[in-house]
Amino acid sequence: MKVETAPFDAADYLADEETIVEYLTAALEDPDPDMFLVAVKTVARARGMTQLAKDSGLGRESLYKALAPGAKPRYETVMKVVRALGVKLHAEVA
């Protein structure tokens, strides 16, 4: 018997603000800095890249490029995207 499966996409499960915040927080805790960008891109896809590009003031292509694997986006770009997602980042004592 053949079992059909679909690829997992975390964006399908990021339906509310609480889940998005938990997802981004977990990515920030990962020692691999690229994980945060992967998480931001996943949230961006869940919200809609076109709308996020408008909300952040970035071009859609620039947004895709900034969030591509291996990209090294500027701090300013990351903060524009994070703000457009409606998320605040903060530091706390470990």
Protein backbone atom coordinates (compact mmCIF):
# COMPACT_ATOMS: atom_id res chain seq x y z
CA MET A 1 0.00 0.00 0.00
CA LYS A 2 1.39 3.38 -1.03
CA VAL A 3 1.12 6.23 1.48
CA GLU A 4 0.80 9.76 0.10
CA THR A 5 2.54 12.49 2.09
CA ALA A 6 2.85 16.22 1.67
CA PRO A 7 5.96 18.23 2.47
CA PHE A 8 5.93 19.93 5.85
CA ASP A 9 5.67 23.73 5.72
CA ALA A 10 5.75 25.57 9.05
CA ALA A 11 4.03 28.54 7.38
CA ASP A 12 0.84 26.46 7.31
CA TYR A 13 0.78 26.48 11.12
CA LEU A 14 1.57 30.14 11.80
CA ALA A 15 -2.02 31.29 11.98
CA ASP A 16 -1.96 33.50 15.08
CA GLU A 17 0.31 36.03 16.77
CA GLU A 18 1.16 33.82 19.76
CA THR A 19 2.38 30.97 17.55
CA ILE A 20 4.42 33.37 15.42
CA VAL A 21 6.08 34.88 18.49
CA GLU A 22 6.92 31.43 19.89
CA TYR A 23 8.32 30.35 16.53
CA LEU A 24 10.55 33.44 16.21
CA THR A 25 11.67 33.15 19.84
CA ALA A 26 12.73 29.53 19.31
CA ALA A 27 14.65 30.56 16.19
CA LEU A 28 16.47 33.30 18.14
CA GLU A 29 17.52 30.72 20.73
CA ASP A 30 19.12 28.49 18.08
CA PRO A 31 22.93 28.85 17.94
CA ASP A 32 22.79 29.04 14.12
CA PRO A 33 22.12 32.71 13.24
CA ASP A 34 20.65 31.71 9.88
CA MET A 35 17.75 30.01 11.68
CA PHE A 36 16.28 33.38 12.61
CA LEU A 37 16.27 34.50 8.98
CA VAL A 38 14.67 31.20 7.95
CA ALA A 39 11.99 31.76 10.59
CA VAL A 40 11.40 35.35 9.49
CA LYS A 41 11.03 34.18 5.89
CA THR A 42 8.59 31.46 6.97
CA VAL A 43 6.49 33.99 8.88
CA ALA A 44 6.67 36.33 5.88
CA ARG A 45 5.33 33.57 3.63
CA ALA A 46 2.56 32.82 6.12
CA ARG A 47 1.56 36.49 6.14
CA GLY A 48 2.08 37.05 2.42
CA MET A 49 5.29 38.36 0.87
CA THR A 50 3.56 40.99 -1.25
CA GLN A 51 1.82 42.57 1.74
CA LEU A 52 4.99 42.37 3.83
CA ALA A 53 6.96 44.10 1.08
CA LYS A 54 4.42 46.94 1.11
CA ASP A 55 4.34 47.16 4.91
CA SER A 56 8.15 47.16 5.21
CA GLY A 57 8.77 49.59 2.36
CA LEU A 58 11.01 47.05 0.64
CA GLY A 59 10.61 45.79 -2.89
CA ARG A 60 9.31 42.25 -3.16
CA GLU A 61 12.47 41.06 -4.92
CA SER A 62 14.64 42.78 -2.31
CA LEU A 63 12.68 41.03 0.41
CA TYR A 64 13.19 37.61 -1.18
CA LYS A 65 16.90 38.36 -1.65
CA ALA A 66 17.34 39.53 1.95
CA LEU A 67 15.69 36.39 3.31
CA ALA A 68 17.37 33.91 0.96
CA PRO A 69 19.53 31.13 2.43
CA GLY A 70 23.04 32.41 3.07
CA ALA A 71 22.01 36.06 2.75
CA LYS A 72 23.60 38.57 5.05
CA PRO A 73 20.93 41.28 5.24
CA ARG A 74 21.67 44.58 6.91
CA TYR A 75 20.38 45.14 10.42
CA GLU A 76 18.17 47.94 9.10
CA THR A 77 16.53 45.56 6.62
CA VAL A 78 15.88 42.89 9.25
CA MET A 79 14.34 45.47 11.58
CA LYS A 80 12.07 46.83 8.82
CA VAL A 81 10.80 43.31 8.19
CA VAL A 82 10.36 42.50 11.88
CA ARG A 83 8.45 45.75 12.48
CA ALA A 84 6.27 45.10 9.42
CA LEU A 85 5.43 41.71 10.90
CA GLY A 86 4.22 43.49 14.04
CA VAL A 87 6.84 41.88 16.26
CA LYS A 88 9.11 43.48 18.85
CA LEU A 89 12.44 41.93 19.73
CA HIS A 90 13.80 42.34 23.24
CA ALA A 91 16.70 41.16 25.34
CA GLU A 92 16.54 39.51 28.73
CA VAL A 93 18.99 38.07 31.20
CA ALA A 94 19.85 34.46 30.32
